Protein backbone atom coordinates (compact mmCIF):
# COMPACT_ATOMS: atom_id res chain seq x y z
CA MET A 1 10.17 2.78 17.89
CA LYS A 2 10.28 3.68 21.40
CA LYS A 3 7.24 5.98 22.53
CA GLY A 4 9.53 8.62 24.04
CA LEU A 5 11.33 9.05 21.08
CA ILE A 6 8.05 9.45 19.07
CA VAL A 7 6.97 12.19 20.91
CA ILE A 8 10.16 14.13 20.80
CA TRP A 9 10.45 14.29 17.03
CA ILE A 10 6.83 14.84 15.93
CA LEU A 11 7.81 18.56 17.25
CA LEU A 12 10.59 19.08 14.86
CA LEU A 13 9.33 20.85 11.45
CA ILE A 14 12.16 20.03 8.85
CA SER A 15 11.08 22.30 5.80
CA SER A 16 7.69 23.76 4.61
CA VAL A 17 7.66 25.00 0.85
CA SER A 18 4.82 26.38 -0.70
CA CYS A 19 4.59 24.85 -4.18
CA LYS A 20 2.80 22.00 -5.65
CA ASP A 21 5.41 20.91 -8.12
CA PHE A 22 6.27 17.66 -6.31
CA LEU A 23 9.14 16.67 -8.84
CA ASN A 24 10.94 19.97 -7.81
CA LEU A 25 11.62 19.55 -4.28
CA VAL A 26 13.77 22.19 -3.34
CA PRO A 27 14.46 22.44 0.57
CA LYS A 28 13.79 26.07 1.18
CA ASN A 29 14.80 27.70 4.70
CA LYS A 30 16.14 24.24 5.70
CA ARG A 31 17.71 23.85 8.88
CA ILE A 32 21.56 23.38 8.93
CA VAL A 33 22.26 19.90 9.64
CA ALA A 34 25.70 19.87 11.24
CA ASN A 35 26.19 16.09 12.39
CA VAL A 36 24.84 12.39 12.20
CA GLU A 37 22.63 13.14 15.14
CA ASP A 38 20.76 15.85 13.20
CA VAL A 39 20.37 13.34 10.29
CA LYS A 40 19.04 10.94 12.42
CA THR A 41 16.38 13.30 14.00
CA GLU A 42 15.31 14.10 10.00
CA MET A 43 14.83 10.43 9.82
CA LEU A 44 12.89 9.66 13.31
CA THR A 45 10.80 12.94 12.54
CA TYR A 46 9.50 11.08 9.18
CA LEU A 47 8.99 7.92 10.99
CA ALA A 48 6.93 9.42 13.82
CA ALA A 49 5.00 11.54 11.28
CA ILE A 50 3.79 8.21 9.53
CA THR A 51 2.97 6.48 12.71
CA TYR A 52 1.91 9.06 15.16
CA SER A 53 -0.23 12.16 15.75
CA ALA A 54 -0.41 14.18 18.68
CA GLY A 55 -2.08 17.26 17.33
CA LEU A 56 1.34 19.12 17.50
CA ILE A 57 3.31 20.49 14.70
CA GLN A 58 2.85 18.34 11.33
CA PRO A 59 6.49 18.12 9.90
CA SER A 60 6.39 18.71 5.88
CA TYR A 61 8.66 18.74 2.92
CA GLY A 62 8.14 20.23 -0.31
CA GLY A 63 4.68 21.51 0.39
CA SER A 64 3.38 17.79 1.73
CA VAL A 65 2.47 17.24 5.08
CA PHE A 66 4.16 13.83 6.09
CA ARG A 67 1.64 10.98 6.19
CA PHE A 68 1.69 7.32 4.94
CA PRO A 69 0.38 7.46 1.49
CA LEU A 70 -1.98 4.57 1.90
CA TYR A 71 -3.67 5.81 5.16
CA ASN A 72 -6.98 5.04 6.18
CA ASP A 73 -9.02 7.48 3.94
CA MET A 74 -6.98 6.78 0.74
CA ALA A 75 -7.31 3.12 1.57
CA THR A 76 -10.97 3.65 1.75
CA ARG A 77 -10.97 5.15 -2.11
CA LEU A 78 -8.90 2.18 -3.34
CA CYS A 79 -11.36 -0.44 -1.50
CA LEU A 80 -14.07 1.66 -3.65
CA TYR A 81 -12.21 1.03 -6.90
CA GLU A 82 -12.08 -2.97 -6.17
CA ASP A 83 -14.84 -5.36 -6.99
CA ASP A 84 -15.18 -6.36 -3.30
CA ILE A 85 -17.77 -3.86 -2.19
CA ASP A 86 -21.71 -4.11 -2.99
CA MET A 87 -21.68 -0.50 -4.55
CA SER A 88 -25.50 -0.77 -4.91
CA TYR A 89 -25.90 -0.13 -1.10
CA TYR A 90 -23.72 2.93 0.53
CA SER A 91 -23.94 4.08 3.86
CA ASP A 92 -23.28 7.83 3.74
CA HIS A 93 -21.52 9.26 6.76
CA THR A 94 -19.72 12.65 7.46
CA ASP A 95 -15.97 13.02 8.13
CA ILE A 96 -14.61 16.54 9.49
CA ASP A 97 -13.45 17.52 5.91
CA GLU A 98 -15.67 15.95 3.63
CA LYS A 99 -18.81 13.90 2.76
CA SER A 100 -18.12 10.17 2.37
CA MET A 101 -20.91 10.29 -0.64
CA GLY A 102 -18.79 12.59 -2.50
CA VAL A 103 -15.82 10.06 -2.52
CA TYR A 104 -18.46 7.60 -3.51
CA THR A 105 -19.20 9.28 -6.62
CA GLU A 106 -15.78 10.13 -7.57
CA CYS A 107 -14.89 6.58 -7.14
CA ILE A 108 -18.13 4.73 -8.74
CA ASP A 109 -16.54 4.84 -12.20
CA TRP A 110 -12.82 4.70 -11.37
CA LYS A 111 -12.12 8.41 -12.14
CA GLY A 112 -11.08 9.49 -8.69
CA ILE A 113 -8.70 12.43 -9.61
CA SER A 114 -8.23 12.83 -5.71
CA ILE A 115 -6.58 9.34 -5.19
CA ALA A 116 -4.14 10.25 -8.00
CA ASN A 117 -3.49 13.72 -6.41
CA VAL A 118 -2.80 12.29 -3.05
CA LEU A 119 -0.75 9.33 -3.92
CA TRP A 120 1.46 11.42 -6.25
CA GLU A 121 2.25 14.09 -3.54
CA LYS A 122 2.62 11.75 -0.78
CA CYS A 123 5.07 9.31 -2.21
CA TYR A 124 6.94 12.05 -4.36
CA GLY A 125 7.28 14.02 -1.22
CA ALA A 126 8.69 11.13 0.75
CA ILE A 127 10.99 10.27 -2.04
CA GLY A 128 12.21 13.90 -1.95
CA PHE A 129 12.73 13.88 1.89
CA MET A 130 14.67 10.41 1.48
CA ASN A 131 17.14 12.36 -0.96
CA VAL A 132 17.96 14.88 1.45
CA ILE A 133 18.56 12.62 4.12
CA ILE A 134 21.02 10.34 2.17
CA ASP A 135 22.67 13.75 1.08
CA ASP A 136 22.89 15.36 4.39
CA LEU A 137 24.48 12.40 5.72
CA GLU A 138 27.25 12.47 3.30
CA LYS A 139 27.77 15.96 3.55
CA ALA A 140 27.97 15.68 8.02
CA GLY A 141 30.57 13.21 7.19
CA GLY A 142 32.04 11.51 10.56
CA TYR A 143 29.58 8.52 10.38
CA THR A 144 30.55 4.99 11.59
CA GLU A 145 29.47 1.97 9.13
CA ALA A 146 26.73 1.11 11.32
CA GLU A 147 25.31 4.76 11.70
CA TYR A 148 25.48 5.01 7.99
CA GLU A 149 23.81 1.60 7.13
CA THR A 150 20.94 2.13 9.68
CA ILE A 151 20.23 5.47 8.22
CA VAL A 152 20.98 5.31 5.01
CA GLY A 153 19.35 1.57 4.75
CA GLU A 154 16.18 2.77 6.19
CA ALA A 155 15.84 5.81 3.91
CA LYS A 156 16.72 3.61 0.66
CA THR A 157 14.26 1.03 1.56
CA ILE A 158 11.33 3.66 2.39
CA ARG A 159 12.56 5.14 -1.32
CA ALA A 160 12.32 2.13 -2.87
CA TYR A 161 9.04 1.10 -1.50
CA TYR A 162 7.39 4.51 -2.82
CA ILE A 163 8.77 4.37 -6.06
CA PHE A 164 7.30 0.98 -6.65
CA LYS A 165 3.96 2.29 -5.15
CA LEU A 166 4.05 4.87 -7.90
CA ILE A 167 5.06 2.81 -10.67
CA GLN A 168 2.12 0.38 -9.44
CA PHE A 169 -0.36 2.98 -9.78
CA PHE A 170 0.55 5.26 -12.46
CA ALA A 171 2.31 3.19 -14.93
CA PRO A 172 0.10 1.70 -17.94
CA TYR A 173 0.61 -1.82 -17.18
CA GLN A 174 1.55 -2.93 -21.00
CA ASN A 175 3.42 -0.12 -21.71
CA ASP A 176 7.03 -0.11 -20.84
CA ARG A 177 7.77 3.58 -22.38
CA LEU A 178 5.44 5.19 -19.81
CA GLY A 179 7.13 4.72 -16.24
CA ILE A 180 7.32 7.34 -13.96
CA PRO A 181 9.54 10.63 -13.59
CA LEU A 182 12.44 9.91 -10.98
CA ASN A 183 15.13 12.16 -9.49
CA LEU A 184 17.31 10.70 -6.83
CA ASP A 185 19.38 13.84 -6.41
CA SER A 186 18.36 16.50 -3.78
CA GLU A 187 20.71 19.02 -5.25
CA ASN A 188 19.56 18.42 -9.00
CA VAL A 189 15.93 19.39 -8.98
CA THR A 190 15.32 19.93 -12.52
CA PRO A 191 12.29 17.72 -13.57
CA GLY A 192 13.08 15.01 -16.20
CA ASP A 193 11.30 12.77 -18.54
CA ARG A 194 9.29 9.62 -17.43
CA LEU A 195 11.74 6.68 -17.41
CA SER A 196 10.94 3.52 -18.91
CA GLN A 197 9.18 0.67 -16.47
CA LYS A 198 12.27 -1.25 -16.75
CA GLU A 199 14.61 1.52 -15.95
CA VAL A 200 12.41 2.23 -12.80
CA TYR A 201 12.30 -1.32 -11.84
CA LYS A 202 16.39 -1.43 -12.00
CA ILE A 203 16.53 1.13 -9.64
CA ILE A 204 14.35 -0.09 -7.11
CA ILE A 205 15.74 -3.58 -7.44
CA ARG A 206 19.34 -2.20 -7.15
CA GLU A 207 18.44 -0.30 -4.06
CA LEU A 208 17.10 -3.02 -2.23
CA GLU A 209 19.62 -5.50 -3.16
CA GLU A 210 22.27 -2.83 -2.11
CA VAL A 211 20.91 -2.55 1.41
CA LEU A 212 20.08 -6.10 1.84
CA GLY A 213 24.05 -6.41 1.52
CA TYR A 214 24.57 -3.98 4.50
CA ARG A 215 26.22 -6.00 7.60
CA THR A 216 25.01 -3.74 10.48
CA ALA A 217 21.81 -5.34 12.42
CA ARG A 218 18.67 -2.99 12.80
CA GLU A 219 18.04 -0.85 15.76
CA ASP A 220 15.24 -0.30 17.66
CA TRP A 221 14.07 2.81 15.89
CA ASN A 222 14.35 1.11 12.32
CA MET A 223 11.23 0.40 10.66
CA PHE A 224 11.93 -0.27 7.01
CA TYR A 225 15.39 -1.27 7.47
CA HIS A 226 14.89 -4.80 8.29
CA PRO A 227 16.02 -7.87 5.73
CA GLY A 228 12.45 -9.32 6.02
CA ILE A 229 11.06 -6.04 4.58
CA MET A 230 13.31 -5.70 1.85
CA LYS A 231 12.76 -9.24 0.87
CA ALA A 232 8.97 -8.78 0.87
CA ILE A 233 9.14 -5.79 -1.32
CA LEU A 234 11.27 -7.29 -3.65
CA ALA A 235 8.85 -10.38 -3.95
CA GLN A 236 5.86 -8.18 -4.40
CA VAL A 237 8.11 -6.25 -7.09
CA TYR A 238 9.02 -9.59 -9.23
CA MET A 239 5.27 -10.88 -9.06
CA PHE A 240 4.09 -7.48 -10.14
CA LYS A 241 6.56 -6.84 -12.65
CA ALA A 242 6.29 -10.48 -14.24
CA GLY A 243 3.19 -9.99 -16.08
CA SER A 244 4.08 -6.18 -16.89
CA ALA A 245 5.73 -4.76 -20.15
CA ALA A 246 8.94 -4.83 -18.23
CA ALA A 247 8.72 -8.55 -17.64
CA GLU A 248 12.12 -10.36 -17.70
CA LYS A 249 12.97 -14.22 -17.90
CA ASN A 250 13.83 -14.47 -14.16
CA ASP A 251 10.96 -12.58 -12.60
CA TRP A 252 9.12 -15.43 -11.28
CA ALA A 253 12.08 -17.46 -10.06
CA ASN A 254 13.10 -14.07 -8.02
CA ALA A 255 9.49 -14.10 -6.69
CA GLU A 256 9.73 -17.39 -5.59
CA LYS A 257 13.28 -16.98 -4.24
CA TYR A 258 12.42 -13.87 -1.82
CA SER A 259 9.37 -15.03 -0.68
CA GLY A 260 10.51 -18.56 -0.05
CA GLU A 261 13.05 -16.93 2.43
CA LEU A 262 10.20 -15.39 4.48
CA ILE A 263 7.99 -18.27 4.86
CA GLU A 264 10.31 -21.04 5.99
CA GLY A 265 8.69 -22.41 9.07
CA TYR A 266 5.63 -20.60 8.64
CA GLU A 267 2.24 -22.27 9.78
CA PRO A 268 -0.71 -20.59 8.29
CA GLU A 269 -2.98 -19.38 10.78
CA SER A 270 -5.87 -21.76 11.74
CA LEU A 271 -8.09 -19.08 14.32
CA SER A 272 -10.29 -16.36 13.51
CA GLU A 273 -8.92 -14.62 16.53
CA GLN A 274 -5.19 -14.78 14.88
CA LEU A 275 -6.63 -13.16 11.69
CA ALA A 276 -8.69 -10.49 13.47
CA GLY A 277 -5.60 -9.73 15.73
CA MET A 278 -3.59 -8.90 12.90
CA PHE A 279 -6.05 -5.87 12.15
CA SER A 280 -6.79 -4.81 15.59
CA GLY A 281 -6.78 -1.15 16.41
CA SER A 282 -6.27 -2.07 20.15
CA VAL A 283 -2.71 -0.87 20.81
CA ARG A 284 -0.68 1.88 19.02
CA GLU A 285 2.54 0.41 17.60
CA TYR A 286 4.28 -0.90 14.86
CA GLN A 287 6.09 -4.40 14.71
CA VAL A 288 8.59 -5.87 12.44
CA GLY A 289 9.30 -9.36 11.98
CA ALA A 290 6.37 -10.96 14.00
CA SER A 291 5.06 -14.37 12.98
CA ASN A 292 1.82 -13.24 11.29
CA TYR A 293 3.09 -10.30 9.61
CA GLN A 294 6.41 -8.69 8.31
CA LEU A 295 5.37 -4.74 9.06
CA ARG A 296 2.26 -3.28 10.89
CA MET A 297 1.48 0.03 11.86
CA THR A 298 -1.27 1.51 13.74
CA TYR A 299 -2.03 5.34 13.83
CA ARG A 300 -4.01 7.96 16.01
CA ARG A 301 -5.26 11.04 14.26
CA GLN A 302 -5.10 14.43 15.78
CA PHE A 303 -9.15 14.41 16.54
CA ASP A 304 -10.50 11.31 17.92
CA PHE A 305 -12.90 10.50 15.22
CA GLY A 306 -13.91 7.27 16.71
CA ASN A 307 -17.31 6.23 15.32
CA ILE A 308 -17.76 9.16 13.25
CA PHE A 309 -15.76 8.19 10.35
CA THR A 310 -13.31 5.45 9.81
CA GLY A 311 -13.59 4.73 5.98
CA ILE A 312 -15.53 1.99 4.68
CA TRP A 313 -15.64 0.53 8.23
CA ALA A 314 -17.54 3.37 9.86
CA GLU A 315 -19.46 1.63 13.15
CA GLY A 316 -22.90 1.69 12.26
CA LYS A 317 -22.29 2.79 8.57
CA ALA A 318 -20.07 -0.28 7.29
CA GLN A 319 -20.26 -1.04 3.50
CA ARG A 320 -21.74 -4.39 2.11
CA VAL A 321 -19.69 -7.35 1.00
CA ALA A 322 -20.07 -7.78 -2.62
CA ASN A 323 -21.80 -10.86 -3.02
CA GLU A 324 -19.38 -12.36 -5.78
CA LEU A 325 -16.66 -12.15 -2.88
CA LEU A 326 -18.77 -13.62 -0.27
CA THR A 327 -20.04 -16.52 -2.38
CA MET A 328 -16.10 -17.35 -2.98
CA TYR A 329 -15.76 -18.51 1.02
CA ASP A 330 -16.88 -21.83 2.57
CA ASP A 331 -19.34 -21.78 5.17
CA ASP A 332 -16.69 -22.93 7.57
CA ASP A 333 -13.89 -20.36 6.60
CA ILE A 334 -12.53 -18.62 9.58
CA ARG A 335 -12.29 -15.46 7.79
CA LEU A 336 -15.87 -14.89 7.54
CA ALA A 337 -15.70 -14.14 11.52
CA ALA A 338 -12.60 -12.72 11.35
CA TRP A 339 -12.98 -9.92 8.81
CA PHE A 340 -16.93 -9.55 8.47
CA LYS A 341 -19.92 -8.75 10.65
CA THR A 342 -23.50 -9.66 9.94
CA SER A 343 -26.73 -8.14 10.72
CA ASP A 344 -30.22 -9.82 10.10
CA GLU A 345 -32.11 -7.18 7.69
CA GLU A 346 -34.79 -7.51 5.33
CA GLY A 347 -35.41 -11.24 6.12
CA ARG A 348 -31.91 -12.33 5.40
CA THR A 349 -28.30 -12.04 6.70
CA ILE A 350 -26.27 -9.07 5.50
CA HIS A 351 -22.72 -9.09 5.71
CA TYR A 352 -20.59 -5.79 6.44
CA ILE A 353 -16.77 -5.08 6.30
CA ASN A 354 -15.05 -5.27 9.82
CA LYS A 355 -11.62 -5.22 8.47
CA PRO A 356 -9.47 -3.66 9.92
CA GLY A 357 -11.42 -3.94 13.58
CA TYR A 358 -10.73 -0.18 14.90
CA THR A 359 -11.57 1.14 18.51
CA SER A 360 -12.46 4.54 19.78
CA SER A 361 -8.73 5.30 20.09
CA ILE A 362 -7.26 4.05 17.21
CA ASN A 363 -8.37 4.41 13.70
CA GLU A 364 -5.54 3.74 11.42
CA VAL A 365 -4.30 0.22 11.11
CA THR A 366 -2.19 -0.63 8.15
CA VAL A 367 -0.59 -4.14 7.57
CA LEU A 368 1.93 -3.68 4.90
CA PHE A 369 3.47 -7.18 4.59
CA ARG A 370 2.10 -10.31 5.84
CA THR A 371 3.49 -13.92 5.77
CA ALA A 372 0.40 -15.09 4.14
CA GLU A 373 1.01 -13.18 1.03
CA MET A 374 4.65 -14.29 0.72
CA TYR A 375 3.05 -17.65 1.01
CA LEU A 376 0.53 -17.10 -1.69
CA ILE A 377 3.24 -15.09 -3.90
CA ASN A 378 5.47 -18.30 -3.80
CA ALA A 379 2.57 -20.77 -4.44
CA GLU A 380 1.79 -18.66 -7.55
CA ALA A 381 5.21 -18.49 -8.58
CA LYS A 382 5.67 -22.45 -8.59
CA CYS A 383 2.76 -22.44 -10.73
CA ARG A 384 3.82 -19.80 -13.10
CA GLN A 385 7.19 -21.94 -13.67
CA ASP A 386 4.87 -25.32 -14.47
CA ARG A 387 5.81 -26.60 -11.08
CA VAL A 388 2.03 -27.04 -10.28
CA PRO A 389 1.99 -30.18 -7.99
CA GLU A 390 4.19 -28.09 -5.61
CA ALA A 391 2.11 -25.52 -5.55
CA LYS A 392 -0.78 -27.74 -5.04
CA VAL A 393 0.56 -29.03 -2.00
CA MET A 394 0.90 -25.37 -0.84
CA LEU A 395 -2.72 -24.16 -1.85
CA GLU A 396 -3.77 -27.38 0.10
CA LYS A 397 -2.02 -26.73 3.44
CA PHE A 398 -3.22 -22.66 3.32
CA LYS A 399 -6.82 -24.11 2.63
CA LYS A 400 -6.72 -26.51 5.29
CA ALA A 401 -5.53 -23.64 7.70
CA ARG A 402 -8.45 -21.21 6.64
CA ILE A 403 -11.21 -23.90 6.70
CA PRO A 404 -11.09 -26.39 9.54
CA GLY A 405 -12.18 -30.04 8.31
CA TRP A 406 -11.16 -29.25 4.54
CA SER A 407 -9.58 -32.10 2.84
CA GLU A 408 -8.27 -31.60 -0.61
CA TYR A 409 -8.22 -29.57 -3.70
CA THR A 410 -9.92 -31.55 -6.39
CA GLY A 411 -10.38 -28.54 -8.88
CA ALA A 412 -8.84 -28.58 -12.38
CA ASN A 413 -6.88 -25.04 -12.10
CA VAL A 414 -4.60 -24.61 -9.16
CA LEU A 415 -3.21 -21.51 -10.36
CA ASP A 416 -6.94 -19.88 -10.65
CA GLU A 417 -7.63 -21.24 -6.94
CA ILE A 418 -4.35 -19.56 -5.72
CA LEU A 419 -5.56 -16.15 -7.16
CA ASN A 420 -9.18 -16.93 -5.64
CA GLU A 421 -7.32 -17.11 -2.32
CA ARG A 422 -5.38 -14.03 -2.82
CA ARG A 423 -8.79 -12.24 -3.41
CA ARG A 424 -10.30 -13.84 -0.01
CA GLU A 425 -7.23 -13.23 2.08
CA PHE A 426 -6.55 -9.61 1.01
CA CYS A 427 -9.94 -7.94 0.66
CA TYR A 428 -9.84 -4.03 1.94
CA GLU A 429 -5.99 -3.89 2.54
CA ALA A 430 -4.54 -0.76 1.02
CA GLY A 431 -5.11 -1.55 -2.81
CA THR A 432 -3.96 -4.87 -2.91
CA ARG A 433 -7.15 -6.48 -4.78
CA TRP A 434 -7.16 -3.21 -7.20
CA LEU A 435 -3.32 -3.72 -8.14
CA ASP A 436 -4.21 -7.65 -8.71
CA MET A 437 -7.27 -6.39 -10.79
CA LYS A 438 -4.64 -4.48 -12.67
CA ARG A 439 -1.98 -6.99 -13.15
CA LEU A 440 -4.47 -10.04 -13.98
CA GLY A 441 -6.49 -7.82 -16.51
CA VAL A 442 -9.74 -8.30 -14.34
CA GLU A 443 -12.75 -6.86 -16.36
CA THR A 444 -15.98 -6.41 -14.16
CA SER A 445 -19.19 -4.38 -14.06
CA ARG A 446 -21.30 -3.02 -11.07
CA VAL A 447 -24.32 -1.28 -10.41
CA GLY A 448 -24.18 2.10 -8.50
CA ALA A 449 -25.73 5.67 -7.96
CA SER A 450 -25.86 7.62 -11.10
CA LYS A 451 -23.13 10.66 -11.07
CA GLU A 452 -25.77 12.32 -13.32
CA GLY A 453 -28.37 12.71 -10.56
CA GLN A 454 -31.46 10.05 -9.72
CA GLY A 455 -31.24 6.40 -10.24
CA VAL A 456 -28.64 3.76 -10.88
CA GLU A 457 -26.34 2.98 -13.73
CA THR A 458 -24.31 0.10 -14.42
CA TYR A 459 -20.54 0.89 -14.82
CA THR A 460 -17.88 -1.29 -16.69
CA LEU A 461 -14.30 -1.95 -16.21
CA LYS A 462 -12.51 -3.57 -19.24
CA LYS A 463 -9.67 -5.81 -19.37
CA ASP A 464 -6.51 -3.37 -19.71
CA ASP A 465 -8.66 -0.34 -19.24
CA TYR A 466 -6.87 2.80 -19.17
CA ARG A 467 -8.16 3.47 -15.72
CA TYR A 468 -6.00 1.16 -14.20
CA ALA A 469 -3.10 3.58 -14.69
CA LEU A 470 -4.09 6.71 -12.64
CA PRO A 471 -3.94 10.26 -14.33
CA ILE A 472 -0.69 12.24 -13.72
CA PRO A 473 -2.33 15.16 -11.60
CA THR A 474 -2.92 17.71 -14.16
CA ASP A 475 -2.76 20.68 -11.84
CA ILE A 476 0.52 19.91 -10.66
CA GLU A 477 3.03 18.30 -13.15
CA LEU A 478 1.62 18.34 -16.59
CA ASN A 479 1.07 22.13 -16.28
CA LEU A 480 4.48 22.99 -14.47
CA ASN A 481 6.39 20.19 -16.17
CA LYS A 482 5.04 19.24 -19.53
CA MET A 483 4.57 15.70 -18.83
CA GLU A 484 2.94 13.15 -21.18
CA GLN A 485 -0.42 12.19 -19.45
CA ASN A 486 -1.32 8.40 -19.22
CA PRO A 487 -3.41 7.44 -22.52
CA GLY A 488 -7.30 7.72 -22.06
CA TRP A 489 -7.37 10.69 -19.52
CA GLY A 490 -7.37 13.71 -22.05
CA ASN A 491 -7.20 16.95 -20.63
CA LEU A 492 -8.59 16.74 -17.33
CA LYS A 493 -9.97 19.67 -15.68
């Protein structure tokens, strides 16, 4: 997106509604959309809001201020859910709005209600707004095929992505009946029941495959309307779906197909500088289709927090790497230098998180899709289809790039090692490890500060634990729409 456009469209306030029912998004006092340019302005407003903040008017819809759902503070909470942080050592630091120790206490036992509230609000708010954009274009009429496809293609891809995030975070993995509620019509706002997971996945796949069939090339302002983005989402969808209650016979074949179309000619990065550069906050930009990643966004918040608060990565307050993760790396692995920083303390070397690597001017760096993930999805898909020798060749190529001088894999379980590579590669990336833990049924224990007062406790997450499905926010949907709560959560207060 051109920076000039960003500054202009951020000034536009599309709609602001005082309500907390995010399944009932009625666009009150909405400005009149007269033509295609007005609809394009709506879309550009949203894209500006998730990539840039100038301290001016924050556009909103349905009572939800636009923000990319997995922004830095939310990514921090998800990292605290994962098993890659040493939770027995936590550096407290103050954000303008909250004490980070409160976030730690909420997340230590995987019961962070604020995670559920934010993800539910931001995802459904964006879905509702994409519904409006699509319907507004139809009402405006007078569009060319190119205008229709670039606007609707952007909206439908964004919508499909957020629907996928909702089912990943809120649907119990092995209960097909409990999917998510979904409404794609901005005119009909009557809340509906939860769809099954199979029904939701059909919608996601249908939307993305439809847009993949569009003939118009993306324009400079497009972010999500890009064949690589659509294929990357589809590869993730089929991988995640394949082990769930919604699984179908060809899921792994489709995961292999879409990931395979994105890794042709890909050579895994072999320098730590290349890896660190993907997560650098030195430039405010978004990039689509670059060789090292499919989509990256950087974001500067209204206030320059700088080193005061950057989640688990705060300067001087970064969190320690879990020893279990640290011991998984070979001593020569280039990721050690790219993603961690060290300090000599207590007579030993302590590793701290340095991924992303922020600057004082940029404190949001989100890498949504990486070619490396497509590569490992492809390798896992081959394994799951009993083509282990092919997967082993891919695994060895990947490891040789990440570990200079490494020769060959001699272990007995190629699939396990591919999954280990996923953990090494995607640690601290916007919930990627948490969702892998969910789909793989990881059981884990950790020691952390007691929620009840002084001392420490051991917290355990079981295989297929109910906490792997976030609770439906009580004060929003359960009360307003009489929705069924996810098993295990009871009556939240």
